[in-house]
């Protein structure tokens, strides 16, 4: 009996210690790395249960390949840099704590990755996620719907077996490709899909769904940029503002703008 009570007490103590780690972790350094316990006010490197906050004026570098958090909040003038070859996975397993970005998340290099791994998740806020390499990636796991209410820009891939909803802005504004390669895409009439800023900017759409997307957002192509439709294609009730550039639709595909309501 005493042995059983001792084991139960040990398990209870372990459970309390684990629960204590399910908390808000706020980055405290002006500029430093993720994988240092002393850089967080929770006194540990964030776990998949923690709500991570990067305050205004702070810059945090994700310097490990397996960084995790429940959700992420980047305040205005705050910066999160996901270094080349590094990954941050957000595991909002109860779907109640949406990621909010009013500052900046930079996918800095080849195979930098911001992963959304469970349930329906939202990127909210007036900030941006910026990609610096064609191989940088926002990944969406199977069964996950990622709703973007912020600005995603630069060269990167938005990809995976989940669904991508654009209720904000998706913009390619540099030399390179922004690839959307998901199971399906949706938007609403507040959405903007924009190609600007470079004569070698390409927005490539490759939707893997058998159902043709019917969209609502507006599209803009400027400065000689290119919209490249590689999959079945899409209808949109939105307009196309085409100053210059190219719309390249593969055989058997289509892009239909101005669909009547």
Protein backbone atom coordinates (compact mmCIF):
# COMPACT_ATOMS: atom_id res chain seq x y z
CA UNK A 1 0.00 0.00 0.00
CA UNK A 2 2.78 2.43 0.88
CA UNK A 3 4.54 1.64 -2.41
CA UNK A 4 1.31 2.31 -4.35
CA UNK A 5 0.83 5.64 -2.58
CA UNK A 6 4.43 6.63 -3.32
CA UNK A 7 3.99 5.85 -7.04
CA UNK A 8 0.70 7.80 -7.13
CA UNK A 9 2.34 10.77 -5.44
CA UNK A 10 5.22 10.68 -7.92
CA UNK A 11 2.81 10.58 -10.87
CA UNK A 12 0.83 13.50 -9.42
CA UNK A 13 4.00 15.53 -8.98
CA UNK A 14 5.05 14.77 -12.56
CA UNK A 15 1.59 15.77 -13.81
CA UNK A 16 1.72 19.08 -11.95
CA UNK A 17 5.17 19.81 -13.34
CA UNK A 18 4.00 19.04 -16.89
CA UNK A 19 0.90 21.20 -16.48
CA UNK A 20 3.05 24.05 -15.23
CA UNK A 21 4.74 24.14 -18.62
CA UNK A 22 1.40 24.78 -20.39
CA UNK A 23 1.60 28.56 -20.16
CA UNK A 24 2.43 31.78 -21.95
CA UNK A 25 6.11 32.08 -22.81
CA UNK A 26 7.23 35.65 -23.56
CA UNK A 27 10.57 36.33 -25.22
CA UNK A 28 12.60 38.71 -23.06
CA UNK A 29 15.78 39.49 -25.01
CA UNK A 30 16.26 42.36 -27.45
CA UNK A 31 17.76 40.00 -30.02
CA UNK A 32 18.67 36.37 -29.39
CA UNK A 33 17.78 32.72 -30.05
CA UNK A 34 14.71 30.56 -29.47
CA UNK A 35 16.51 27.52 -28.07
CA UNK A 36 17.77 29.16 -24.85
CA UNK A 37 15.63 28.71 -21.73
CA UNK A 38 16.91 31.94 -20.18
CA UNK A 39 15.50 33.98 -23.09
CA UNK A 40 11.92 33.24 -21.96
CA UNK A 41 10.03 34.46 -18.92
CA UNK A 42 8.62 30.93 -18.47
CA UNK A 43 12.23 29.77 -17.84
CA UNK A 44 12.08 26.99 -20.41
CA UNK A 45 12.27 26.62 -24.17
CA UNK A 46 8.64 26.64 -25.41
CA UNK A 47 6.79 23.34 -25.71
CA UNK A 48 3.86 22.35 -27.93
CA UNK A 49 1.49 23.39 -25.11
CA UNK A 50 2.85 26.94 -24.72
CA UNK A 51 1.46 30.21 -26.07
CA UNK A 52 4.50 32.05 -27.41
CA UNK A 53 4.72 35.85 -27.50
CA UNK A 54 7.38 37.99 -29.21
CA UNK A 55 6.87 41.52 -27.83
CA UNK A 56 7.33 44.79 -29.69
CA UNK A 57 10.97 45.66 -30.23
CA UNK A 58 12.19 42.07 -29.71
CA UNK A 59 13.80 39.84 -32.35
CA UNK A 60 13.84 36.07 -31.86
CA UNK A 61 15.71 33.65 -34.15
CA UNK A 62 14.41 30.08 -34.48
CA UNK A 63 17.73 28.26 -34.40
CA UNK A 64 16.60 24.61 -34.11
CA UNK A 65 14.92 22.22 -36.54
CA UNK A 66 12.14 21.16 -34.17
CA UNK A 67 10.86 24.32 -32.46
CA UNK A 68 7.24 23.96 -31.29
CA UNK A 69 4.49 26.03 -29.71
CA UNK A 70 0.74 25.93 -29.30
CA UNK A 71 0.25 29.32 -30.94
CA UNK A 72 2.32 32.38 -31.79
CA UNK A 73 1.81 36.08 -31.15
CA UNK A 74 4.22 38.60 -32.71
CA UNK A 75 3.50 42.14 -31.57
CA UNK A 76 3.97 45.29 -33.64
CA UNK A 77 7.71 45.84 -34.39
CA UNK A 78 8.39 42.36 -33.03
CA UNK A 79 10.27 39.99 -35.34
CA UNK A 80 10.53 36.21 -35.54
CA UNK A 81 13.24 34.96 -37.91
CA UNK A 82 13.02 31.29 -38.89
CA UNK A 83 16.53 30.55 -40.05
CA UNK A 84 17.46 28.53 -43.12
CA UNK A 85 16.83 24.85 -42.51
CA UNK A 86 14.88 25.49 -39.29
CA UNK A 87 11.21 24.83 -38.48
CA UNK A 88 8.54 26.08 -36.11
CA UNK A 89 5.44 23.87 -35.75
CA UNK A 90 2.26 25.36 -34.27
CA UNK A 91 0.01 22.76 -32.66
CA UNK A 92 -3.18 24.54 -31.59
CA UNK A 93 -4.75 21.23 -30.65
CA UNK A 94 -7.96 22.67 -29.23
CA UNK A 95 -8.45 25.33 -31.91
CA UNK A 96 -9.00 28.14 -29.41
CA UNK A 97 -5.77 30.17 -29.60
CA UNK A 98 -5.24 31.70 -33.01
CA UNK A 99 -1.86 32.90 -34.21
CA UNK A 100 -1.68 36.71 -34.30
CA UNK A 101 0.98 38.60 -36.22
CA UNK A 102 1.08 42.39 -36.10
CA UNK A 103 4.86 42.35 -36.47
CA UNK A 104 6.88 40.21 -38.90
CA UNK A 105 7.73 36.55 -39.35
CA UNK A 106 10.62 36.01 -41.76
CA UNK A 107 11.23 32.68 -43.48
CA UNK A 108 14.85 33.50 -44.06
CA UNK A 109 16.24 30.82 -46.34
CA UNK A 110 16.08 27.47 -48.02
CA UNK A 111 13.74 25.00 -46.22
CA UNK A 112 12.75 27.50 -43.53
CA UNK A 113 9.33 26.27 -42.42
CA UNK A 114 6.33 27.50 -40.47
CA UNK A 115 4.06 24.47 -39.98
CA UNK A 116 0.40 24.33 -38.93
CA UNK A 117 -0.12 20.80 -37.69
CA UNK A 118 -3.56 20.36 -36.11
CA UNK A 119 -7.14 21.58 -36.25
CA UNK A 120 -8.38 24.72 -37.97
CA UNK A 121 -5.98 27.59 -37.40
CA UNK A 122 -6.06 31.30 -38.22
CA UNK A 123 -3.27 33.79 -38.90
CA UNK A 124 -4.72 37.09 -37.73
CA UNK A 125 -3.37 40.61 -37.37
CA UNK A 126 -2.07 43.37 -39.62
CA UNK A 127 1.47 42.01 -39.85
CA UNK A 128 3.16 39.83 -42.42
CA UNK A 129 4.90 36.55 -43.10
CA UNK A 130 7.73 37.16 -45.54
CA UNK A 131 9.53 34.48 -47.55
CA UNK A 132 13.07 34.87 -48.86
CA UNK A 133 13.58 31.62 -50.77
CA UNK A 134 11.55 29.51 -53.21
CA UNK A 135 12.07 26.51 -50.90
CA UNK A 136 10.83 28.30 -47.76
CA UNK A 137 7.44 26.93 -46.77
CA UNK A 138 4.22 27.51 -44.87
CA UNK A 139 3.01 23.93 -44.50
CA UNK A 140 -0.56 22.82 -43.79
CA UNK A 141 -1.06 19.30 -42.48
CA UNK A 142 -3.78 16.96 -43.69
CA UNK A 143 -7.18 17.85 -42.27
CA UNK A 144 -6.08 21.38 -41.30
CA UNK A 145 -7.71 24.53 -42.64
CA UNK A 146 -5.38 27.53 -42.44
CA UNK A 147 -7.14 30.90 -42.69
CA UNK A 148 -4.89 33.84 -43.53
CA UNK A 149 -6.09 37.27 -42.42
CA UNK A 150 -2.62 38.85 -42.64
CA UNK A 151 -0.18 39.49 -45.49
CA UNK A 152 1.91 36.64 -46.88
CA UNK A 153 4.52 37.92 -49.29
CA UNK A 154 7.81 37.17 -51.01
CA UNK A 155 9.04 33.90 -52.50
CA UNK A 156 7.95 30.76 -50.70
CA UNK A 157 5.55 27.83 -50.89
CA UNK A 158 2.16 27.56 -49.19
CA UNK A 159 1.68 23.83 -49.38
CA UNK A 160 0.47 20.58 -47.93
CA UNK A 161 -2.53 18.27 -47.76
CA UNK A 162 -4.76 20.80 -45.99
CA UNK A 163 -6.88 23.72 -47.15
CA UNK A 164 -5.69 27.32 -47.54
CA UNK A 165 -8.15 30.19 -47.10
CA UNK A 166 -7.01 33.70 -48.02
CA UNK A 167 -9.02 36.37 -46.23
CA UNK A 168 -6.06 38.77 -46.35
CA UNK A 169 -3.32 39.39 -48.93
CA UNK A 170 -1.04 36.97 -50.77
CA UNK A 171 1.66 38.89 -52.63
CA UNK A 172 4.72 37.99 -54.68
CA UNK A 173 6.82 41.15 -54.75
CA UNK A 174 10.33 39.96 -55.49
CA UNK A 175 12.19 37.94 -58.09
CA UNK A 176 11.13 34.34 -57.59
CA UNK A 177 8.00 32.22 -57.14
CA UNK A 178 5.21 32.14 -54.60
CA UNK A 179 3.72 28.67 -55.03
CA UNK A 180 0.33 27.67 -53.65
CA UNK A 181 0.25 23.87 -53.73
CA UNK A 182 -2.58 22.73 -51.44
CA UNK A 183 -5.48 20.33 -51.41
CA UNK A 184 -7.86 23.24 -51.97
CA UNK A 185 -8.07 27.05 -51.74
CA UNK A 186 -10.81 29.46 -50.73
CA UNK A 187 -11.10 33.22 -50.20
CA UNK A 188 -13.70 35.94 -49.71
CA UNK A 189 -14.36 39.36 -51.23
CA UNK A 190 -11.80 41.00 -48.92
CA UNK A 191 -8.96 38.91 -50.36
CA UNK A 192 -6.20 40.20 -52.63
CA UNK A 193 -3.91 38.05 -54.77
CA UNK A 194 -1.15 40.34 -56.02
CA UNK A 195 1.88 40.10 -58.31
CA UNK A 196 4.02 43.22 -58.15
CA UNK A 197 7.47 44.65 -57.70
CA UNK A 198 9.51 42.58 -60.13
CA UNK A 199 9.46 41.55 -63.77
CA UNK A 200 10.42 38.03 -62.62
CA UNK A 201 7.73 37.59 -59.94
CA UNK A 202 5.59 34.48 -60.41
CA UNK A 203 2.45 33.47 -58.51
CA UNK A 204 1.88 29.78 -59.28
CA UNK A 205 -1.40 28.06 -58.40
CA UNK A 206 -1.51 24.26 -58.16
CA UNK A 207 -4.72 23.13 -56.45
CA UNK A 208 -5.06 19.39 -56.01
CA UNK A 209 -8.82 19.25 -55.42
CA UNK A 210 -11.11 17.61 -57.95
CA UNK A 211 -13.63 20.39 -57.30
CA UNK A 212 -13.05 23.66 -59.15
CA UNK A 213 -12.54 26.52 -56.65
CA UNK A 214 -15.07 29.35 -56.89
CA UNK A 215 -13.37 32.40 -55.38
CA UNK A 216 -14.38 35.97 -54.54
CA UNK A 217 -11.17 37.97 -54.16
CA UNK A 218 -9.50 40.43 -56.55
CA UNK A 219 -6.33 39.78 -58.53
CA UNK A 220 -3.63 42.23 -59.60
CA UNK A 221 -0.71 41.72 -62.01
CA UNK A 222 1.77 44.55 -62.46
CA UNK A 223 5.37 45.25 -63.49
CA UNK A 224 5.56 42.34 -65.91
CA UNK A 225 4.79 39.68 -63.31
CA UNK A 226 3.26 36.31 -64.09
CA UNK A 227 0.25 34.31 -62.92
CA UNK A 228 0.88 30.63 -63.67
CA UNK A 229 -2.09 28.24 -63.34
CA UNK A 230 -0.80 24.66 -63.27
CA UNK A 231 -3.83 22.80 -61.94
CA UNK A 232 -7.49 22.54 -62.86
CA UNK A 233 -7.91 26.31 -62.47
CA UNK A 234 -10.49 28.51 -60.75
CA UNK A 235 -13.48 30.80 -61.13
CA UNK A 236 -13.58 34.10 -59.24
CA UNK A 237 -16.26 36.71 -58.73
CA UNK A 238 -13.39 39.16 -58.23
CA UNK A 239 -11.75 41.39 -60.81
CA UNK A 240 -8.38 41.23 -62.54
CA UNK A 241 -6.34 44.46 -62.51
CA UNK A 242 -3.83 43.66 -65.25
CA UNK A 243 -1.39 46.49 -65.88
CA UNK A 244 1.21 44.33 -67.58
CA UNK A 245 2.62 40.85 -67.36
CA UNK A 246 1.52 37.34 -68.25
CA UNK A 247 -1.29 34.93 -67.39
CA UNK A 248 -0.05 31.43 -68.28
CA UNK A 249 -2.73 28.73 -68.10
CA UNK A 250 -1.68 25.13 -68.77
CA UNK A 251 -3.60 23.01 -71.23
CA UNK A 252 -6.88 21.78 -69.80
CA UNK A 253 -6.81 24.47 -67.09
CA UNK A 254 -8.54 27.83 -66.90
CA UNK A 255 -8.77 31.08 -64.95
CA UNK A 256 -12.13 32.87 -65.14
CA UNK A 257 -12.36 36.37 -63.67
CA UNK A 258 -15.49 38.44 -63.04
CA UNK A 259 -17.87 35.51 -62.60
CA UNK A 260 -21.37 36.98 -62.14
CA UNK A 261 -22.84 36.65 -58.67
